Amino acid sequence: MVATFKQLDSEYFQQHGDELSKNKEFFNAVFRAGLNSPQLRQELELDD
């Protein structure tokens, strides 16, 4: 998680000229992305 955040922070800085905050919006985005990922069903060993 830390390495991924650092990569995203670097990319965010290049595009926006500001640091990415590790705050509620960041973690909500992580959860939304995870909930929408097909990998979530695989990780929970659920059949499609």
PDB file of N, CA and C in Angstrom:
ATOM      1  N   MET A   1       0.821  -1.186   0.000  1.00  0.00           N
ATOM      2  CA  MET A   1       0.000   0.000   0.000  1.00  0.00           C
ATOM      3  C   MET A   1       0.868   1.253   0.000  1.00  0.00           C
ATOM      4  N   VAL A   2       1.944   1.241   0.780  1.00  0.00           N
ATOM      5  CA  VAL A   2       2.824   2.412   0.861  1.00  0.00           C
ATOM      6  C   VAL A   2       3.496   2.672  -0.487  1.00  0.00           C
ATOM      7  N   ALA A   3       3.998   1.611  -1.121  1.00  0.00           N
ATOM      8  CA  ALA A   3       4.668   1.773  -2.417  1.00  0.00           C
ATOM      9  C   ALA A   3       3.693   2.289  -3.469  1.00  0.00           C
ATOM     10  N   THR A   4       2.476   1.756  -3.463  1.00  0.00           N
ATOM     11  CA  THR A   4       1.464   2.202  -4.426  1.00  0.00           C
ATOM     12  C   THR A   4       1.115   3.660  -4.189  1.00  0.00           C
ATOM     13  N   PHE A   5       0.964   4.044  -2.914  1.00  0.00           N
ATOM     14  CA  PHE A   5       0.669   5.440  -2.611  1.00  0.00           C
ATOM     15  C   PHE A   5       1.782   6.350  -3.116  1.00  0.00           C
ATOM     16  N   LYS A   6       3.027   5.951  -2.910  1.00  0.00           N
ATOM     17  CA  LYS A   6       4.158   6.782  -3.353  1.00  0.00           C
ATOM     18  C   LYS A   6       4.168   6.930  -4.873  1.00  0.00           C
ATOM     19  N   GLN A   7       3.841   5.867  -5.583  1.00  0.00           N
ATOM     20  CA  GLN A   7       3.773   5.944  -7.046  1.00  0.00           C
ATOM     21  C   GLN A   7       2.664   6.896  -7.478  1.00  0.00           C
ATOM     22  N   LEU A   8       1.496   6.752  -6.853  1.00  0.00           N
ATOM     23  CA  LEU A   8       0.370   7.631  -7.177  1.00  0.00           C
ATOM     24  C   LEU A   8       0.684   9.078  -6.803  1.00  0.00           C
ATOM     25  N   ASP A   9       1.347   9.274  -5.675  1.00  0.00           N
ATOM     26  CA  ASP A   9       1.715  10.615  -5.235  1.00  0.00           C
ATOM     27  C   ASP A   9       2.644  11.277  -6.250  1.00  0.00           C
ATOM     28  N   SER A  10       3.608  10.507  -6.742  1.00  0.00           N
ATOM     29  CA  SER A  10       4.537  11.039  -7.740  1.00  0.00           C
ATOM     30  C   SER A  10       3.807  11.426  -9.025  1.00  0.00           C
ATOM     31  N   GLU A  11       2.934  10.546  -9.481  1.00  0.00           N
ATOM     32  CA  GLU A  11       2.160  10.818 -10.697  1.00  0.00           C
ATOM     33  C   GLU A  11       1.229  12.015 -10.494  1.00  0.00           C
ATOM     34  N   TYR A  12       0.586  12.078  -9.334  1.00  0.00           N
ATOM     35  CA  TYR A  12      -0.308  13.184  -9.011  1.00  0.00           C
ATOM     36  C   TYR A  12       0.463  14.506  -9.009  1.00  0.00           C
ATOM     37  N   PHE A  13       1.665  14.497  -8.415  1.00  0.00           N
ATOM     38  CA  PHE A  13       2.490  15.707  -8.363  1.00  0.00           C
ATOM     39  C   PHE A  13       2.865  16.165  -9.770  1.00  0.00           C
ATOM     40  N   GLN A  14       3.226  15.232 -10.636  1.00  0.00           N
ATOM     41  CA  GLN A  14       3.599  15.579 -12.011  1.00  0.00           C
ATOM     42  C   GLN A  14       2.426  16.208 -12.752  1.00  0.00           C
ATOM     43  N   GLN A  15       1.227  15.728 -12.494  1.00  0.00           N
ATOM     44  CA  GLN A  15       0.063  16.222 -13.223  1.00  0.00           C
ATOM     45  C   GLN A  15      -0.581  17.453 -12.593  1.00  0.00           C
ATOM     46  N   HIS A  16      -0.476  17.603 -11.260  1.00  0.00           N
ATOM     47  CA  HIS A  16      -1.191  18.674 -10.567  1.00  0.00           C
ATOM     48  C   HIS A  16      -0.286  19.646  -9.829  1.00  0.00           C
ATOM     49  N   GLY A  17       1.013  19.316  -9.701  1.00  0.00           N
ATOM     50  CA  GLY A  17       1.944  20.213  -9.012  1.00  0.00           C
ATOM     51  C   GLY A  17       1.715  20.295  -7.516  1.00  0.00           C
ATOM     52  N   ASP A  18       1.058  19.307  -6.953  1.00  0.00           N
ATOM     53  CA  ASP A  18       0.773  19.285  -5.523  1.00  0.00           C
ATOM     54  C   ASP A  18       0.851  17.842  -5.039  1.00  0.00           C
ATOM     55  N   GLU A  19       1.062  17.657  -3.737  1.00  0.00           N
ATOM     56  CA  GLU A  19       1.134  16.306  -3.194  1.00  0.00           C
ATOM     57  C   GLU A  19      -0.259  15.724  -3.015  1.00  0.00           C
ATOM     58  N   LEU A  20      -0.355  14.419  -3.170  1.00  0.00           N
ATOM     59  CA  LEU A  20      -1.593  13.700  -2.936  1.00  0.00           C
ATOM     60  C   LEU A  20      -1.755  13.508  -1.441  1.00  0.00           C
ATOM     61  N   SER A  21      -2.886  13.912  -0.907  1.00  0.00           N
ATOM     62  CA  SER A  21      -3.137  13.764   0.526  1.00  0.00           C
ATOM     63  C   SER A  21      -3.602  12.355   0.841  1.00  0.00           C
ATOM     64  N   LYS A  22      -3.034  11.792   1.892  1.00  0.00           N
ATOM     65  CA  LYS A  22      -3.466  10.482   2.363  1.00  0.00           C
ATOM     66  C   LYS A  22      -4.595  10.750   3.364  1.00  0.00           C
ATOM     67  N   ASN A  23      -5.773  10.987   2.810  1.00  0.00           N
ATOM     68  CA  ASN A  23      -6.904  11.377   3.641  1.00  0.00           C
ATOM     69  C   ASN A  23      -8.150  10.592   3.265  1.00  0.00           C
ATOM     70  N   LYS A  24      -9.271  11.041   3.736  1.00  0.00           N
ATOM     71  CA  LYS A  24     -10.536  10.352   3.498  1.00  0.00           C
ATOM     72  C   LYS A  24     -10.801  10.148   2.000  1.00  0.00           C
ATOM     73  N   GLU A  25     -10.561  11.147   1.168  1.00  0.00           N
ATOM     74  CA  GLU A  25     -10.820  11.016  -0.269  1.00  0.00           C
ATOM     75  C   GLU A  25      -9.955   9.929  -0.904  1.00  0.00           C
ATOM     76  N   PHE A  26      -8.687   9.866  -0.498  1.00  0.00           N
ATOM     77  CA  PHE A  26      -7.790   8.841  -1.044  1.00  0.00           C
ATOM     78  C   PHE A  26      -8.298   7.448  -0.685  1.00  0.00           C
ATOM     79  N   PHE A  27      -8.591   7.236   0.585  1.00  0.00           N
ATOM     80  CA  PHE A  27      -9.022   5.904   1.010  1.00  0.00           C
ATOM     81  C   PHE A  27     -10.391   5.550   0.453  1.00  0.00           C
ATOM     82  N   ASN A  28     -11.285   6.509   0.338  1.00  0.00           N
ATOM     83  CA  ASN A  28     -12.577   6.240  -0.303  1.00  0.00           C
ATOM     84  C   ASN A  28     -12.385   5.839  -1.758  1.00  0.00           C
ATOM     85  N   ALA A  29     -11.457   6.487  -2.450  1.00  0.00           N
ATOM     86  CA  ALA A  29     -11.174   6.131  -3.847  1.00  0.00           C
ATOM     87  C   ALA A  29     -10.619   4.712  -3.945  1.00  0.00           C
ATOM     88  N   VAL A  30      -9.751   4.347  -3.005  1.00  0.00           N
ATOM     89  CA  VAL A  30      -9.197   2.988  -2.978  1.00  0.00           C
ATOM     90  C   VAL A  30     -10.312   1.967  -2.797  1.00  0.00           C
ATOM     91  N   PHE A  31     -11.212   2.223  -1.850  1.00  0.00           N
ATOM     92  CA  PHE A  31     -12.309   1.286  -1.600  1.00  0.00           C
ATOM     93  C   PHE A  31     -13.259   1.205  -2.793  1.00  0.00           C
ATOM     94  N   ARG A  32     -13.593   2.347  -3.394  1.00  0.00           N
ATOM     95  CA  ARG A  32     -14.475   2.335  -4.570  1.00  0.00           C
ATOM     96  C   ARG A  32     -13.850   1.536  -5.702  1.00  0.00           C
ATOM     97  N   ALA A  33     -12.561   1.750  -5.948  1.00  0.00           N
ATOM     98  CA  ALA A  33     -11.868   1.021  -7.019  1.00  0.00           C
ATOM     99  C   ALA A  33     -11.853  -0.468  -6.719  1.00  0.00           C
ATOM    100  N   GLY A  34     -11.616  -0.818  -5.473  1.00  0.00           N
ATOM    101  CA  GLY A  34     -11.592  -2.227  -5.085  1.00  0.00           C
ATOM    102  C   GLY A  34     -12.955  -2.875  -5.216  1.00  0.00           C
ATOM    103  N   LEU A  35     -13.986  -2.164  -4.811  1.00  0.00           N
ATOM    104  CA  LEU A  35     -15.336  -2.711  -4.898  1.00  0.00           C
ATOM    105  C   LEU A  35     -15.780  -2.917  -6.331  1.00  0.00           C
ATOM    106  N   ASN A  36     -15.244  -2.113  -7.243  1.00  0.00           N
ATOM    107  CA  ASN A  36     -15.619  -2.216  -8.657  1.00  0.00           C
ATOM    108  C   ASN A  36     -14.711  -3.147  -9.439  1.00  0.00           C
ATOM    109  N   SER A  37     -13.701  -3.685  -8.795  1.00  0.00           N
ATOM    110  CA  SER A  37     -12.744  -4.545  -9.480  1.00  0.00           C
ATOM    111  C   SER A  37     -13.265  -5.979  -9.589  1.00  0.00           C
ATOM    112  N   PRO A  38     -13.133  -6.597 -10.775  1.00  0.00           N
ATOM    113  CA  PRO A  38     -13.509  -8.002 -10.901  1.00  0.00           C
ATOM    114  C   PRO A  38     -12.636  -8.900 -10.021  1.00  0.00           C
ATOM    115  N   GLN A  39     -11.471  -8.428  -9.667  1.00  0.00           N
ATOM    116  CA  GLN A  39     -10.565  -9.210  -8.828  1.00  0.00           C
ATOM    117  C   GLN A  39     -11.145  -9.422  -7.431  1.00  0.00           C
ATOM    118  N   LEU A  40     -12.024  -8.543  -6.979  1.00  0.00           N
ATOM    119  CA  LEU A  40     -12.632  -8.694  -5.663  1.00  0.00           C
ATOM    120  C   LEU A  40     -13.359 -10.014  -5.552  1.00  0.00           C
ATOM    121  N   ARG A  41     -14.128 -10.387  -6.560  1.00  0.00           N
ATOM    122  CA  ARG A  41     -14.843 -11.664  -6.546  1.00  0.00           C
ATOM    123  C   ARG A  41     -13.861 -12.830  -6.560  1.00  0.00           C
ATOM    124  N   GLN A  42     -12.773 -12.673  -7.281  1.00  0.00           N
ATOM    125  CA  GLN A  42     -11.758 -13.730  -7.328  1.00  0.00           C
ATOM    126  C   GLN A  42     -11.105 -13.879  -5.949  1.00  0.00           C
ATOM    127  N   GLU A  43     -10.767 -12.770  -5.315  1.00  0.00           N
ATOM    128  CA  GLU A  43     -10.116 -12.822  -4.000  1.00  0.00           C
ATOM    129  C   GLU A  43     -11.024 -13.494  -2.968  1.00  0.00           C
ATOM    130  N   LEU A  44     -12.336 -13.320  -3.118  1.00  0.00           N
ATOM    131  CA  LEU A  44     -13.288 -13.922  -2.191  1.00  0.00           C
ATOM    132  C   LEU A  44     -13.720 -15.309  -2.640  1.00  0.00           C
ATOM    133  N   GLU A  45     -13.114 -15.787  -3.738  1.00  0.00           N
ATOM    134  CA  GLU A  45     -13.396 -17.103  -4.298  1.00  0.00           C
ATOM    135  C   GLU A  45     -14.888 -17.285  -4.579  1.00  0.00           C
ATOM    136  N   LEU A  46     -15.481 -16.276  -5.216  1.00  0.00           N
ATOM    137  CA  LEU A  46     -16.887 -16.315  -5.607  1.00  0.00           C
ATOM    138  C   LEU A  46     -16.989 -16.600  -7.097  1.00  0.00           C
ATOM    139  N   ASP A  47     -17.910 -17.461  -7.463  1.00  0.00           N
ATOM    140  CA  ASP A  47     -18.141 -17.769  -8.866  1.00  0.00           C
ATOM    141  C   ASP A  47     -18.917 -16.646  -9.519  1.00  0.00           C
ATOM    142  N   ASP A  48     -18.659 -16.430 -10.794  1.00  0.00           N
ATOM    143  CA  ASP A  48     -19.411 -15.412 -11.549  1.00  0.00           C
ATOM    144  C   ASP A  48     -20.741 -15.932 -11.994  1.00  0.00           C
TER     145      ASP A  48
END
